[in-house]
Protein backbone atom coordinates (compact mmCIF):
# COMPACT_ATOMS: atom_id res chain seq x y z
CA MET A 1 3.03 -92.41 2.79
CA LYS A 2 2.10 -92.09 -0.34
CA HIS A 3 -1.03 -90.11 1.14
CA LEU A 4 1.00 -88.26 3.37
CA GLY A 5 3.56 -87.44 -0.10
CA TRP A 6 0.22 -85.99 -2.20
CA LEU A 7 -0.48 -83.56 1.48
CA ILE A 8 3.16 -82.09 1.17
CA VAL A 9 3.28 -80.94 -2.76
CA LEU A 10 -0.16 -79.37 -2.08
CA ALA A 11 0.97 -78.11 1.09
CA MET A 12 4.26 -76.61 -1.29
CA SER A 13 1.81 -75.67 -4.00
CA ALA A 14 -0.21 -73.17 -2.14
CA VAL A 15 2.53 -71.35 -0.34
CA ALA A 16 3.92 -70.61 -3.84
CA ALA A 17 0.77 -69.71 -4.97
CA SER A 18 0.40 -67.40 -1.98
CA GLY A 19 3.45 -65.93 -2.29
CA TYR A 20 3.28 -65.43 -5.97
CA PHE A 21 -0.24 -63.23 -5.12
CA PHE A 22 1.04 -61.52 -2.35
CA LEU A 23 4.65 -60.20 -4.84
CA SER A 24 2.00 -59.30 -7.56
CA ALA A 25 0.28 -57.06 -5.04
CA ASN A 26 3.75 -55.43 -3.41
CA PRO A 27 5.94 -55.27 -6.33
CA ALA A 28 7.90 -52.58 -3.81
CA VAL A 29 8.87 -56.03 -1.55
CA LEU A 30 9.63 -57.91 -4.82
CA SER A 31 11.95 -54.61 -5.54
CA LYS A 32 13.69 -55.01 -2.65
CA TRP A 33 14.23 -58.29 -2.79
CA SER A 34 15.75 -58.86 -6.10
CA GLY A 35 18.32 -56.07 -4.85
CA GLY A 36 16.90 -53.31 -7.43
CA ASP A 37 14.61 -50.28 -7.45
CA ARG A 38 11.46 -50.23 -9.55
CA ALA A 39 11.26 -48.16 -12.45
CA ILE A 40 8.47 -45.17 -12.01
CA ALA A 41 6.22 -43.75 -15.11
CA VAL A 42 7.38 -40.55 -16.11
CA ARG A 43 6.01 -38.26 -19.29
CA VAL A 44 8.86 -36.04 -21.04
CA ALA A 45 8.99 -32.88 -23.09
CA LEU A 46 12.05 -31.69 -24.99
CA VAL A 47 13.43 -27.97 -23.84
CA ARG A 48 13.18 -25.81 -26.67
CA ARG A 49 14.45 -22.56 -27.90
CA ASP A 50 12.28 -19.67 -29.35
CA SER A 51 12.06 -16.21 -29.76
CA LEU A 52 9.70 -14.18 -28.07
CA PRO A 53 9.16 -10.43 -26.71
CA ALA A 54 11.58 -9.75 -24.46
CA MET A 55 9.86 -9.48 -20.80
CA ILE A 56 11.66 -7.97 -17.35
CA ARG A 57 10.62 -9.02 -14.31
CA LEU A 58 10.61 -6.52 -11.29
CA SER A 59 9.67 -7.06 -7.48
CA GLY A 60 9.10 -4.28 -5.10
CA GLU A 61 6.02 -3.67 -2.49
CA LEU A 62 3.02 -1.80 -3.17
CA SER A 63 2.67 1.23 -1.12
CA PRO A 64 -0.15 4.04 -1.38
CA ILE A 65 0.98 6.85 -3.99
CA GLN A 66 -1.58 9.43 -2.19
CA GLU A 67 -1.17 9.39 2.00
CA SER A 68 -1.36 11.55 4.69
CA ASN A 69 -1.03 11.88 8.34
CA ILE A 70 -4.33 13.55 9.92
CA VAL A 71 -2.12 15.42 12.56
CA SER A 72 -3.46 17.79 15.62
CA ARG A 73 -2.77 21.74 15.42
CA LEU A 74 -2.91 21.89 19.30
CA THR A 75 -2.12 20.71 22.72
CA GLY A 76 -4.33 18.92 24.33
CA LYS A 77 -6.29 15.38 24.96
CA VAL A 78 -8.35 13.69 22.37
CA ALA A 79 -11.44 14.10 22.72
CA GLU A 80 -12.78 11.27 20.01
CA VAL A 81 -11.81 9.50 17.12
CA ARG A 82 -14.43 8.62 14.82
CA PHE A 83 -12.57 5.83 12.34
CA LYS A 84 -10.90 2.75 12.68
CA GLY A 85 -8.35 1.04 10.96
CA GLY A 86 -10.04 0.12 7.56
CA ASP A 87 -12.89 2.29 7.28
CA ALA A 88 -13.42 4.49 3.98
CA VAL A 89 -13.95 8.45 5.11
CA SER A 90 -14.83 11.18 2.37
CA ALA A 91 -12.69 14.27 2.14
CA GLY A 92 -13.57 17.04 4.68
CA THR A 93 -15.29 14.57 7.23
CA ILE A 94 -14.20 15.37 10.46
CA VAL A 95 -12.42 11.87 11.73
CA ALA A 96 -11.49 13.11 15.37
CA THR A 97 -11.37 15.89 17.87
CA ILE A 98 -9.10 17.38 20.35
CA ASN A 99 -10.35 19.19 23.67
CA ALA A 100 -7.34 21.80 24.58
CA GLY A 101 -8.41 22.82 27.60
CA THR A 102 -6.27 26.42 28.12
CA LEU A 103 -8.13 27.18 24.66
CA VAL A 104 -11.64 26.81 26.40
CA ALA A 105 -10.52 28.97 29.37
CA ARG A 106 -9.24 31.65 26.94
CA THR A 107 -12.51 31.56 25.25
CA THR A 108 -14.65 32.21 28.76
CA GLU A 109 -12.18 35.59 29.18
CA ILE A 110 -12.42 37.10 25.77
CA ASP A 111 -16.26 36.38 25.55
CA VAL A 112 -16.43 38.61 29.07
CA ALA A 113 -13.88 41.02 28.33
CA LEU A 114 -16.01 40.99 24.74
CA ASP A 115 -19.47 41.89 26.30
CA ALA A 116 -17.60 44.59 28.71
CA ALA A 117 -16.02 45.93 25.55
CA ARG A 118 -19.42 46.71 24.32
CA LYS A 119 -21.07 48.20 26.71
CA ASP A 120 -18.05 50.59 27.09
CA HIS A 121 -18.85 51.14 23.17
CA LYS A 122 -22.22 51.89 23.78
CA SER A 123 -21.78 54.02 26.68
CA SER A 124 -19.29 56.22 25.35
CA GLU A 125 -21.37 56.32 21.98
CA GLU A 126 -24.33 58.00 24.10
CA LEU A 127 -22.16 60.30 25.93
CA VAL A 128 -20.57 61.38 22.36
CA ILE A 129 -24.47 62.11 21.36
CA ARG A 130 -25.01 64.12 24.33
CA ALA A 131 -21.97 66.06 24.37
CA ASP A 132 -22.24 66.81 20.58
CA LYS A 133 -25.72 68.10 21.83
CA GLN A 134 -24.54 70.10 24.79
CA LEU A 135 -21.43 72.06 22.56
CA ALA A 136 -24.12 72.82 19.60
CA GLN A 137 -26.48 74.45 22.73
CA SER A 138 -23.40 76.27 24.21
CA ARG A 139 -22.75 77.60 20.40
CA GLU A 140 -25.82 78.64 19.95
CA TRP A 141 -26.03 80.54 23.86
CA TYR A 142 -22.65 82.18 22.64
CA ARG A 143 -24.33 83.20 19.47
CA GLN A 144 -27.04 85.51 21.73
CA ASN A 145 -24.02 86.85 24.29
CA LEU A 146 -25.75 84.29 26.96
CA ILE A 147 -22.56 82.51 27.56
CA ALA A 148 -18.66 83.80 27.89
CA ARG A 149 -16.07 82.38 25.42
CA ARG A 150 -14.84 80.54 28.32
CA ASP A 151 -18.21 78.24 28.62
CA LEU A 152 -17.82 77.47 25.14
CA GLU A 153 -14.89 76.43 24.80
CA GLN A 154 -15.44 74.00 27.91
CA SER A 155 -18.03 72.43 25.99
CA GLU A 156 -15.72 71.91 23.15
CA THR A 157 -13.12 70.16 24.85
CA ALA A 158 -15.37 68.32 26.79
CA ALA A 159 -16.90 67.24 23.17
CA GLU A 160 -13.09 66.18 21.91
CA THR A 161 -12.58 64.32 25.26
CA THR A 162 -15.63 62.27 24.87
CA ARG A 163 -15.12 61.82 21.28
CA ALA A 164 -11.28 60.51 22.12
CA GLN A 165 -12.84 58.35 24.91
CA ALA A 166 -15.58 56.48 22.40
CA GLU A 167 -12.35 55.99 19.96
CA LEU A 168 -10.50 54.48 22.79
CA ALA A 169 -13.80 52.26 23.16
CA ARG A 170 -14.16 51.56 19.82
CA ALA A 171 -10.59 49.92 19.43
CA ASN A 172 -11.06 48.22 22.38
CA LEU A 173 -13.82 46.33 21.19
CA ALA A 174 -12.23 45.82 17.85
CA GLN A 175 -9.69 44.06 19.71
CA GLN A 176 -11.66 41.78 21.80
CA GLU A 177 -13.46 40.80 18.94
CA ALA A 178 -10.43 40.24 16.60
CA MET A 179 -9.02 38.22 19.57
CA LEU A 180 -12.33 36.32 19.44
CA ALA A 181 -12.28 35.57 16.24
CA GLN A 182 -8.62 33.82 16.90
CA VAL A 183 -9.59 31.91 19.06
CA ARG A 184 -12.79 30.92 17.07
CA THR A 185 -9.82 29.67 14.18
CA LEU A 186 -8.35 27.90 16.88
CA GLN A 187 -11.56 26.25 17.95
CA SER A 188 -11.84 25.32 14.40
CA LEU A 189 -8.54 22.83 14.74
CA THR A 190 -10.14 20.89 17.46
CA ARG A 191 -11.87 19.07 14.30
CA LEU A 192 -9.27 17.14 12.05
CA SER A 193 -11.08 16.43 8.87
CA ALA A 194 -10.08 14.14 5.90
CA PRO A 195 -8.15 16.00 3.54
CA PHE A 196 -9.23 13.95 0.76
CA SER A 197 -11.34 10.29 -0.01
CA GLY A 198 -9.67 7.59 1.11
CA VAL A 199 -9.15 4.44 3.45
CA VAL A 200 -7.98 4.90 7.50
CA THR A 201 -4.62 2.64 7.50
CA ARG A 202 -3.47 3.14 10.74
CA ARG A 203 -5.36 4.83 14.34
CA TRP A 204 -2.64 6.25 16.10
CA LEU A 205 -4.02 7.66 19.35
CA GLU A 206 -7.44 6.79 21.08
CA PRO A 207 -9.68 8.42 23.21
CA GLY A 208 -8.51 10.39 26.28
CA ALA A 209 -4.93 10.25 25.25
CA GLY A 210 -2.72 13.34 25.36
CA VAL A 211 -1.71 15.15 22.11
CA GLY A 212 1.20 17.34 21.04
CA GLU A 213 0.92 19.72 18.24
CA SER A 214 2.22 18.08 15.04
CA ASP A 215 0.92 14.40 16.64
CA PRO A 216 -0.31 12.15 14.22
CA VAL A 217 -4.19 11.12 14.79
CA LEU A 218 -5.36 8.91 11.90
CA THR A 219 -3.40 7.88 8.74
CA ILE A 220 -5.53 7.66 5.46
CA ALA A 221 -4.29 6.61 2.39
CA ASN A 222 -6.19 6.96 -1.37
CA LEU A 223 -6.10 2.78 -2.42
CA SER A 224 -7.48 3.41 -5.96
CA LYS A 225 -3.92 4.26 -7.26
CA LEU A 226 -0.80 2.42 -5.62
CA LYS A 227 3.11 2.66 -6.72
CA ILE A 228 5.98 0.16 -6.67
CA ILE A 229 9.14 1.65 -6.43
CA ALA A 230 12.09 -0.68 -8.01
CA GLU A 231 15.50 -0.73 -9.26
CA TYR A 232 16.90 -2.78 -12.04
CA SER A 233 20.11 -3.09 -13.63
CA GLY A 234 19.86 -6.44 -15.71
CA LEU A 235 19.62 -6.80 -19.26
CA HIS A 236 17.60 -4.08 -21.44
CA SER A 237 17.59 -1.64 -18.85
CA GLU A 238 18.29 1.55 -21.47
CA ASP A 239 14.72 0.08 -23.03
CA ILE A 240 12.72 0.48 -20.03
CA HIS A 241 11.05 4.17 -20.03
CA ALA A 242 8.01 6.20 -18.64
CA GLY A 243 5.01 5.50 -20.17
CA MET A 244 5.12 1.67 -20.74
CA LYS A 245 2.01 -0.70 -19.86
CA VAL A 246 2.67 -2.88 -17.07
CA GLU A 247 1.37 -6.31 -15.98
CA ILE A 248 0.88 -6.42 -12.10
CA SER A 249 0.18 -9.75 -10.04
CA SER A 250 0.23 -10.53 -6.34
CA ALA A 251 0.10 -13.56 -4.19
CA GLU A 252 -2.33 -11.67 -1.89
CA SER A 253 -5.05 -12.34 -4.76
CA PRO A 254 -3.58 -15.39 -7.00
CA GLY A 255 -4.83 -15.32 -10.95
CA LYS A 256 -5.61 -12.04 -10.94
CA LYS A 257 -3.58 -9.29 -13.20
CA PHE A 258 -3.73 -5.49 -12.64
CA GLY A 259 -2.78 -2.88 -15.08
CA GLY A 260 -0.36 -0.43 -14.44
CA ARG A 261 2.10 2.22 -15.97
CA ILE A 262 6.05 3.49 -15.57
CA ALA A 263 5.65 6.95 -14.29
CA ARG A 264 9.26 7.73 -13.83
CA VAL A 265 12.88 5.92 -14.97
CA LYS A 266 16.00 7.85 -13.01
CA PRO A 267 19.21 6.12 -13.67
CA LYS A 268 21.62 6.10 -10.44
CA SER A 269 25.28 5.03 -9.98
CA ASP A 270 26.14 2.42 -7.27
CA GLY A 271 30.19 2.80 -8.32
CA ASP A 272 30.64 1.53 -11.56
CA LYS A 273 27.38 -0.16 -11.56
CA GLN A 274 24.49 1.58 -13.68
CA ILE A 275 20.93 1.37 -11.97
CA ARG A 276 17.76 2.58 -12.97
CA ARG A 277 15.30 3.59 -10.31
CA ILE A 278 11.59 2.57 -11.98
CA ASP A 279 8.61 4.26 -10.51
CA ILE A 280 5.23 1.87 -11.23
CA GLU A 281 1.61 3.10 -10.72
CA VAL A 282 -0.96 0.81 -10.25
CA GLU A 283 -4.57 1.15 -10.69
CA ASN A 284 -6.43 -0.71 -8.00
CA PHE A 285 -10.23 0.84 -8.55
CA GLN A 286 -11.93 -2.39 -7.25
CA GLU A 287 -9.38 -2.02 -4.07
CA ASN A 288 -8.05 -5.76 -4.56
CA LEU A 289 -4.39 -4.71 -3.57
CA ARG A 290 -3.50 -3.97 -0.31
CA PRO A 291 -0.65 -1.71 0.74
CA GLY A 292 2.55 -2.92 2.12
CA THR A 293 2.36 -6.43 -0.09
CA ALA A 294 4.96 -7.66 -2.54
CA ALA A 295 4.15 -7.84 -5.96
CA GLN A 296 5.23 -8.21 -9.41
CA ALA A 297 5.67 -6.29 -12.41
CA LEU A 298 5.86 -7.42 -15.95
CA ILE A 299 7.09 -5.42 -18.43
CA ALA A 300 6.95 -6.51 -22.29
CA LEU A 301 9.47 -5.06 -24.32
CA GLU A 302 10.07 -3.84 -27.79
CA LYS A 303 12.24 -6.60 -28.79
CA HIS A 304 12.55 -10.16 -29.13
CA GLU A 305 14.92 -12.46 -27.42
CA GLU A 306 15.33 -16.24 -27.63
CA VAL A 307 14.64 -18.12 -24.29
CA LEU A 308 14.50 -22.03 -23.34
CA LEU A 309 11.13 -23.07 -22.67
CA VAL A 310 9.76 -25.89 -20.49
CA PRO A 311 6.19 -26.74 -19.61
CA ARG A 312 4.96 -24.99 -16.51
CA THR A 313 4.20 -28.54 -15.07
CA ALA A 314 7.80 -29.44 -14.88
CA VAL A 315 8.69 -26.65 -12.38
CA VAL A 316 8.64 -27.86 -8.84
CA SER A 317 9.37 -25.45 -6.39
CA LEU A 318 10.61 -26.68 -2.26
CA ASN A 319 11.76 -24.60 0.17
CA GLY A 320 12.63 -21.78 -1.84
CA LYS A 321 14.36 -23.22 -4.11
CA THR A 322 13.20 -24.08 -8.19
CA TYR A 323 14.10 -26.90 -9.96
CA VAL A 324 13.36 -29.59 -12.86
CA TYR A 325 14.25 -33.22 -13.64
CA LYS A 326 15.54 -34.19 -16.66
CA SER A 327 15.97 -38.16 -18.16
CA VAL A 328 19.21 -39.09 -18.20
CA ASP A 329 20.02 -42.49 -18.89
CA GLY A 330 16.93 -44.09 -17.47
CA ARG A 331 17.48 -42.00 -14.65
CA ALA A 332 15.58 -38.54 -12.93
CA VAL A 333 18.46 -36.04 -12.29
CA ARG A 334 17.30 -32.95 -10.56
CA GLN A 335 18.62 -29.65 -11.53
CA ASP A 336 18.18 -26.42 -10.08
CA VAL A 337 17.30 -23.58 -12.64
CA LEU A 338 17.19 -19.93 -12.70
CA LEU A 339 13.01 -19.07 -13.96
CA GLY A 340 12.16 -16.30 -16.36
CA VAL A 341 8.96 -15.26 -17.32
CA GLU A 342 5.90 -17.43 -18.00
CA HIS A 343 4.48 -17.54 -21.76
CA GLY A 344 1.29 -19.46 -21.74
CA GLU A 345 1.42 -22.99 -20.74
CA ASP A 346 5.25 -22.59 -20.91
CA VAL A 347 7.66 -20.78 -18.89
CA ALA A 348 11.17 -19.48 -19.90
CA ILE A 349 14.17 -20.89 -17.95
CA GLU A 350 17.57 -18.55 -17.65
CA HIS A 351 19.99 -20.47 -16.25
CA GLY A 352 20.15 -24.57 -15.32
CA ILE A 353 18.82 -26.49 -18.93
CA LYS A 354 20.49 -26.89 -22.58
CA ASP A 355 18.37 -26.97 -25.73
CA GLY A 356 16.96 -30.29 -26.49
CA GLU A 357 16.91 -32.02 -23.04
CA SER A 358 14.76 -34.39 -21.84
CA ILE A 359 12.50 -32.94 -19.03
CA ILE A 360 10.19 -34.75 -16.74
CA VAL A 361 7.03 -33.08 -16.94
CA ASP A 362 4.51 -35.38 -14.47
CA ASN A 363 5.01 -37.40 -11.20
CA GLN A 364 7.28 -35.46 -9.85
CA ASP A 365 6.29 -36.23 -5.88
CA SER A 366 7.22 -39.95 -6.36
CA LEU A 367 11.05 -38.77 -7.77
CA LYS A 368 13.90 -38.55 -5.92
CA PRO A 369 17.69 -37.66 -7.32
CA ASN A 370 18.48 -40.82 -9.81
CA SER A 371 15.57 -42.54 -9.47
CA PRO A 372 14.60 -44.88 -12.11
CA ILE A 373 12.10 -43.83 -14.65
CA ARG A 374 9.96 -45.39 -16.89
CA ILE A 375 9.33 -42.85 -20.27
CA LEU A 376 5.45 -43.50 -21.20
CA THR A 377 5.66 -41.23 -24.46
CA ALA A 378 8.42 -40.31 -26.92
CA PRO A 379 10.00 -36.91 -26.01
CA ALA A 380 7.74 -33.79 -27.33
CA SER A 381 8.96 -29.96 -27.35
CA ALA A 382 7.56 -27.44 -25.25
CA ARG A 383 4.45 -25.71 -26.73
CA SER A 384 4.27 -21.92 -26.18
CA GLU A 385 1.25 -19.81 -26.28
CA ARG A 386 3.07 -16.09 -27.15
CA ARG A 387 1.21 -13.17 -25.43
């Protein structure tokens, strides 16, 4: 019996040791059994106030400054389209041709009439030469009293008639030549050319398609310079003026910044609200930016303002919302915020926090609202890199 007792003691010790090692390896289970949540280790930073250059952020869609539809000037069918969307073309390049059937038939008709007019004109000129010779001979014979006055007058009448017929033939030839020149001009309209160098942004019609006068065949745009048209009615709107430099960014080109300038500022009214329409020109020589994409424009004003700053790592974006986690009484409190502009490693917060509050800057993926937290370091103020 004594031996059996020792075996029971040893078995219970083994179970206790196994349980200890299991709970050590699985603290969440221990926390659950004990009725509490495990504190999550985080680092924090203090919200700080600073005076920085006032910045205005605008949003808009990029579009070409120079864009043109290449349209047909004739009614007919598309014979050829030489370029597709995305192709680069040079100014003056033939990009498409139009087959105008009535124009071809008209050209053939005028060619036949012109050939006949030339032959008629040549024949009439020869008749004028012969009539003039006959008239000269009749005058000499009349001078020698070899013919009567009536015969001379008949020669003069015949010469005048021949010259009149020659004038009509000459006029008819000139008319046919003018008509042919007009048709040749219309024929030149069957060849559509690029008005400037750029990129084909849209192909409207395919070969064989019917086309009417003024119908577009291709659209071409110069992508080396784009524009953003935005409206603004917020703080410092009166400080925006033409000629100011603008920094452009786009989600299509992450991490890249592009230069721009304000081309025009036009005030307009919307009831009692004063709005400014701002036209921004964007340099795009490398053509990294594409028309139709969203872009942000950052304008630095010639004045300073006080802002609240937090590290960029403190900001969390999810499902279209932006928030931070505050450290309040050992808990993580989620707070929706309105972002301002970035300043180096920091970002300005326009609404949702106060100066001196403690903000969690890491491990947010492990947090839920009101999660218990354990701060690893003492709160430190957000550092700002001034631009």
